[in-house]
Amino acid sequence: MAHPKYELPKTPHAEYRYKMAMKHVEAAKAAGKSSEEIHEMFNKIMTYDIDNPVNDEAHKKYNMAVLHAKKALENGKSSEEAHKIFQQVLDSEGEGHCHTHK
C-alpha cells in the first residue's frame, strides 16, 4: 500500500522542515522505530513552534541557528542572508565568534 502524499503547509520554511523531517524518518526507520513512532515524530517536526523551542541538548544547535537568523533579520539582513547564517550555524561553518550573547 502506498503512503499518502503529504501536502506541505503554505509557510515560509515548510519545505526545509519537510526535508529535515524526512531525514529523521529515514534515521527512525533504520533504528527500527514503529510506524506510529515515526508518524508522531514527523508530525512533531512539521508542527514545531519556532517561537517556543524545545530547550534540550538535541535542539541546542538548531535553537542557536534560529537565534542567529532572527538577530540577522532584526539587524536588517535579507531573508537570503538570514537563511545563509542559519545554515552556517547549523552546519557549524561559522567562524565561532558569537556576538548575540553580549
N, C-alpha and C. Protein backbone atom coordinates (compact mmCIF):
# COMPACT_ATOMS: atom_id res chain seq x y z
N MET A 1 0.85 -1.19 0.00
CA MET A 1 0.00 0.00 0.00
C MET A 1 0.89 1.25 0.00
N ALA A 2 0.61 2.18 -0.88
CA ALA A 2 1.39 3.41 -0.99
C ALA A 2 1.03 4.36 0.14
N HIS A 3 2.03 5.06 0.62
CA HIS A 3 1.81 6.05 1.67
C HIS A 3 1.16 7.27 1.05
N PRO A 4 0.17 7.88 1.72
CA PRO A 4 -0.47 9.08 1.16
C PRO A 4 0.52 10.23 1.05
N LYS A 5 0.36 11.03 0.02
CA LYS A 5 1.25 12.18 -0.21
C LYS A 5 0.96 13.25 0.83
N TYR A 6 2.01 13.81 1.39
CA TYR A 6 1.88 14.86 2.40
C TYR A 6 1.81 16.21 1.69
N GLU A 7 0.81 16.99 2.00
CA GLU A 7 0.67 18.34 1.45
C GLU A 7 1.44 19.31 2.34
N LEU A 8 2.43 19.99 1.76
CA LEU A 8 3.20 20.96 2.53
C LEU A 8 2.34 22.16 2.91
N PRO A 9 2.45 22.61 4.16
CA PRO A 9 1.72 23.82 4.55
C PRO A 9 2.27 25.03 3.79
N LYS A 10 1.50 26.06 3.71
CA LYS A 10 1.92 27.27 2.99
C LYS A 10 2.61 28.22 3.97
N THR A 11 3.73 27.77 4.50
CA THR A 11 4.52 28.58 5.42
C THR A 11 5.92 28.76 4.83
N PRO A 12 6.63 29.80 5.25
CA PRO A 12 7.93 30.09 4.63
C PRO A 12 8.97 28.97 4.71
N HIS A 13 8.95 28.18 5.76
CA HIS A 13 10.00 27.19 5.96
C HIS A 13 9.50 25.75 5.85
N ALA A 14 8.34 25.57 5.27
CA ALA A 14 7.74 24.23 5.20
C ALA A 14 8.60 23.25 4.42
N GLU A 15 9.18 23.70 3.33
CA GLU A 15 9.98 22.79 2.50
C GLU A 15 11.23 22.32 3.26
N TYR A 16 11.90 23.24 3.94
CA TYR A 16 13.08 22.87 4.71
C TYR A 16 12.68 21.95 5.87
N ARG A 17 11.60 22.28 6.54
CA ARG A 17 11.13 21.47 7.67
C ARG A 17 10.79 20.06 7.20
N TYR A 18 10.16 19.95 6.03
CA TYR A 18 9.83 18.65 5.46
C TYR A 18 11.11 17.85 5.17
N LYS A 19 12.10 18.52 4.61
CA LYS A 19 13.38 17.86 4.31
C LYS A 19 14.00 17.31 5.60
N MET A 20 13.99 18.10 6.65
CA MET A 20 14.54 17.65 7.93
C MET A 20 13.69 16.53 8.54
N ALA A 21 12.38 16.63 8.40
CA ALA A 21 11.50 15.58 8.92
C ALA A 21 11.79 14.26 8.22
N MET A 22 11.98 14.30 6.90
CA MET A 22 12.25 13.07 6.15
C MET A 22 13.62 12.49 6.51
N LYS A 23 14.57 13.34 6.82
CA LYS A 23 15.88 12.88 7.28
C LYS A 23 15.72 12.11 8.60
N HIS A 24 14.91 12.65 9.50
CA HIS A 24 14.63 11.98 10.77
C HIS A 24 13.85 10.68 10.55
N VAL A 25 12.93 10.69 9.59
CA VAL A 25 12.14 9.49 9.29
C VAL A 25 13.07 8.36 8.85
N GLU A 26 14.00 8.66 7.96
CA GLU A 26 14.94 7.63 7.49
C GLU A 26 15.78 7.08 8.64
N ALA A 27 16.22 7.96 9.53
CA ALA A 27 17.01 7.51 10.69
C ALA A 27 16.16 6.65 11.62
N ALA A 28 14.90 7.03 11.79
CA ALA A 28 13.99 6.27 12.66
C ALA A 28 13.70 4.89 12.07
N LYS A 29 13.51 4.84 10.75
CA LYS A 29 13.30 3.55 10.09
C LYS A 29 14.51 2.64 10.30
N ALA A 30 15.69 3.20 10.09
CA ALA A 30 16.93 2.43 10.25
C ALA A 30 17.10 1.95 11.69
N ALA A 31 16.56 2.70 12.64
CA ALA A 31 16.65 2.33 14.05
C ALA A 31 15.55 1.36 14.46
N GLY A 32 14.66 1.02 13.51
CA GLY A 32 13.61 0.06 13.79
C GLY A 32 12.39 0.60 14.52
N LYS A 33 12.18 1.90 14.44
CA LYS A 33 11.02 2.52 15.10
C LYS A 33 9.73 2.06 14.42
N SER A 34 8.65 2.05 15.17
CA SER A 34 7.35 1.64 14.63
C SER A 34 6.77 2.74 13.76
N SER A 35 5.78 2.39 12.94
CA SER A 35 5.10 3.38 12.10
C SER A 35 4.48 4.48 12.95
N GLU A 36 3.91 4.10 14.09
CA GLU A 36 3.28 5.08 14.97
C GLU A 36 4.31 6.07 15.51
N GLU A 37 5.48 5.54 15.92
CA GLU A 37 6.54 6.41 16.43
C GLU A 37 7.05 7.34 15.34
N ILE A 38 7.19 6.82 14.14
CA ILE A 38 7.68 7.62 13.01
C ILE A 38 6.68 8.71 12.66
N HIS A 39 5.39 8.38 12.60
CA HIS A 39 4.37 9.39 12.29
C HIS A 39 4.32 10.47 13.37
N GLU A 40 4.44 10.06 14.62
CA GLU A 40 4.42 11.04 15.72
C GLU A 40 5.60 12.00 15.61
N MET A 41 6.78 11.45 15.32
CA MET A 41 7.98 12.27 15.17
C MET A 41 7.84 13.21 13.97
N PHE A 42 7.37 12.70 12.84
CA PHE A 42 7.18 13.51 11.64
C PHE A 42 6.24 14.68 11.94
N ASN A 43 5.10 14.40 12.57
CA ASN A 43 4.13 15.45 12.88
C ASN A 43 4.70 16.47 13.86
N LYS A 44 5.49 16.00 14.82
CA LYS A 44 6.11 16.91 15.79
C LYS A 44 7.05 17.88 15.08
N ILE A 45 7.83 17.38 14.14
CA ILE A 45 8.75 18.24 13.39
C ILE A 45 7.98 19.23 12.52
N MET A 46 6.95 18.77 11.85
CA MET A 46 6.20 19.63 10.93
C MET A 46 5.38 20.69 11.66
N THR A 47 5.09 20.49 12.95
CA THR A 47 4.30 21.48 13.70
C THR A 47 5.13 22.19 14.76
N TYR A 48 6.46 22.06 14.68
CA TYR A 48 7.36 22.67 15.65
C TYR A 48 7.15 24.18 15.71
N ASP A 49 7.01 24.70 16.91
CA ASP A 49 6.77 26.13 17.11
C ASP A 49 8.12 26.83 17.32
N ILE A 50 8.56 27.54 16.31
CA ILE A 50 9.88 28.18 16.34
C ILE A 50 9.98 29.24 17.43
N ASP A 51 8.86 29.79 17.88
CA ASP A 51 8.88 30.81 18.92
C ASP A 51 8.84 30.22 20.33
N ASN A 52 8.61 28.91 20.43
CA ASN A 52 8.63 28.21 21.71
C ASN A 52 9.48 26.95 21.56
N PRO A 53 10.79 27.13 21.40
CA PRO A 53 11.65 25.98 21.11
C PRO A 53 11.78 25.00 22.27
N VAL A 54 12.05 23.77 21.91
CA VAL A 54 12.35 22.75 22.90
C VAL A 54 13.76 23.05 23.41
N ASN A 55 13.90 23.17 24.70
CA ASN A 55 15.19 23.54 25.28
C ASN A 55 15.88 22.29 25.83
N ASP A 56 16.47 21.51 24.92
CA ASP A 56 17.21 20.33 25.34
C ASP A 56 18.49 20.23 24.51
N GLU A 57 19.34 19.32 24.88
CA GLU A 57 20.64 19.18 24.22
C GLU A 57 20.50 18.85 22.74
N ALA A 58 19.49 18.05 22.38
CA ALA A 58 19.31 17.64 20.99
C ALA A 58 18.98 18.81 20.07
N HIS A 59 18.37 19.86 20.61
CA HIS A 59 17.97 21.01 19.79
C HIS A 59 18.87 22.21 19.98
N LYS A 60 19.96 22.05 20.72
CA LYS A 60 20.83 23.19 21.05
C LYS A 60 21.35 23.91 19.80
N LYS A 61 21.90 23.17 18.86
CA LYS A 61 22.47 23.79 17.67
C LYS A 61 21.37 24.42 16.80
N TYR A 62 20.24 23.73 16.67
CA TYR A 62 19.12 24.27 15.90
C TYR A 62 18.64 25.58 16.51
N ASN A 63 18.46 25.60 17.83
CA ASN A 63 17.99 26.81 18.50
C ASN A 63 18.98 27.96 18.33
N MET A 64 20.28 27.66 18.36
CA MET A 64 21.30 28.69 18.16
C MET A 64 21.22 29.22 16.72
N ALA A 65 20.99 28.34 15.76
CA ALA A 65 20.86 28.76 14.37
C ALA A 65 19.65 29.68 14.19
N VAL A 66 18.53 29.33 14.83
CA VAL A 66 17.33 30.16 14.76
C VAL A 66 17.60 31.52 15.40
N LEU A 67 18.25 31.53 16.55
CA LEU A 67 18.57 32.78 17.23
C LEU A 67 19.41 33.69 16.35
N HIS A 68 20.43 33.14 15.71
CA HIS A 68 21.28 33.93 14.84
C HIS A 68 20.52 34.45 13.62
N ALA A 69 19.66 33.64 13.06
CA ALA A 69 18.87 34.08 11.89
C ALA A 69 17.92 35.20 12.29
N LYS A 70 17.27 35.08 13.44
CA LYS A 70 16.36 36.13 13.91
C LYS A 70 17.12 37.43 14.15
N LYS A 71 18.29 37.33 14.78
CA LYS A 71 19.11 38.52 15.03
C LYS A 71 19.54 39.18 13.72
N ALA A 72 19.87 38.35 12.73
CA ALA A 72 20.27 38.88 11.42
C ALA A 72 19.14 39.68 10.80
N LEU A 73 17.91 39.14 10.88
CA LEU A 73 16.75 39.84 10.33
C LEU A 73 16.50 41.15 11.09
N GLU A 74 16.63 41.10 12.42
CA GLU A 74 16.45 42.31 13.24
C GLU A 74 17.48 43.39 12.89
N ASN A 75 18.65 42.96 12.45
CA ASN A 75 19.72 43.89 12.10
C ASN A 75 19.71 44.28 10.63
N GLY A 76 18.59 44.01 9.95
CA GLY A 76 18.43 44.49 8.58
C GLY A 76 18.92 43.56 7.49
N LYS A 77 19.35 42.36 7.82
CA LYS A 77 19.79 41.41 6.80
C LYS A 77 18.58 40.91 6.01
N SER A 78 18.81 40.52 4.77
CA SER A 78 17.72 39.99 3.93
C SER A 78 17.39 38.56 4.37
N SER A 79 16.26 38.05 3.91
CA SER A 79 15.88 36.67 4.21
C SER A 79 16.93 35.70 3.72
N GLU A 80 17.47 35.97 2.55
CA GLU A 80 18.51 35.10 1.98
C GLU A 80 19.74 35.08 2.88
N GLU A 81 20.14 36.27 3.36
CA GLU A 81 21.30 36.34 4.25
C GLU A 81 21.02 35.62 5.57
N ALA A 82 19.81 35.79 6.10
CA ALA A 82 19.45 35.13 7.36
C ALA A 82 19.43 33.61 7.19
N HIS A 83 18.93 33.13 6.05
CA HIS A 83 18.93 31.69 5.79
C HIS A 83 20.35 31.15 5.69
N LYS A 84 21.23 31.93 5.07
CA LYS A 84 22.63 31.51 4.94
C LYS A 84 23.28 31.42 6.32
N ILE A 85 23.03 32.41 7.17
CA ILE A 85 23.56 32.40 8.53
C ILE A 85 23.01 31.21 9.30
N PHE A 86 21.69 30.97 9.18
CA PHE A 86 21.06 29.82 9.83
C PHE A 86 21.78 28.53 9.43
N GLN A 87 21.98 28.35 8.14
CA GLN A 87 22.60 27.12 7.64
C GLN A 87 24.05 27.01 8.09
N GLN A 88 24.77 28.14 8.10
CA GLN A 88 26.16 28.12 8.56
C GLN A 88 26.26 27.67 10.01
N VAL A 89 25.39 28.20 10.85
CA VAL A 89 25.41 27.82 12.26
C VAL A 89 25.02 26.35 12.39
N LEU A 90 23.98 25.94 11.68
CA LEU A 90 23.53 24.55 11.75
C LEU A 90 24.61 23.60 11.26
N ASP A 91 25.34 24.00 10.24
CA ASP A 91 26.41 23.16 9.69
C ASP A 91 27.76 23.43 10.35
N SER A 92 27.77 24.29 11.36
CA SER A 92 29.00 24.69 12.07
C SER A 92 30.05 25.24 11.11
N GLU A 93 29.61 26.08 10.18
CA GLU A 93 30.52 26.69 9.23
C GLU A 93 30.95 28.09 9.65
N GLY A 94 30.39 28.58 10.75
CA GLY A 94 30.74 29.93 11.19
C GLY A 94 32.15 29.98 11.73
N GLU A 95 32.63 31.18 11.99
CA GLU A 95 33.98 31.35 12.49
C GLU A 95 34.06 31.14 13.99
N GLY A 96 32.93 30.96 14.66
CA GLY A 96 32.93 30.73 16.10
C GLY A 96 32.94 31.99 16.94
N HIS A 97 32.61 33.12 16.35
CA HIS A 97 32.59 34.38 17.07
C HIS A 97 31.15 34.84 17.26
N CYS A 98 30.53 34.39 18.33
CA CYS A 98 29.13 34.71 18.58
C CYS A 98 29.02 36.02 19.36
N HIS A 99 28.29 36.96 18.80
CA HIS A 99 28.10 38.25 19.44
C HIS A 99 26.67 38.42 19.96
N THR A 100 25.84 37.38 19.83
CA THR A 100 24.43 37.51 20.23
C THR A 100 24.22 37.45 21.73
N HIS A 101 25.20 36.96 22.48
CA HIS A 101 25.01 36.82 23.92
C HIS A 101 25.58 37.97 24.72
N LYS A 102 25.99 39.02 24.07
CA LYS A 102 26.54 40.18 24.79
C LYS A 102 25.45 41.07 25.29
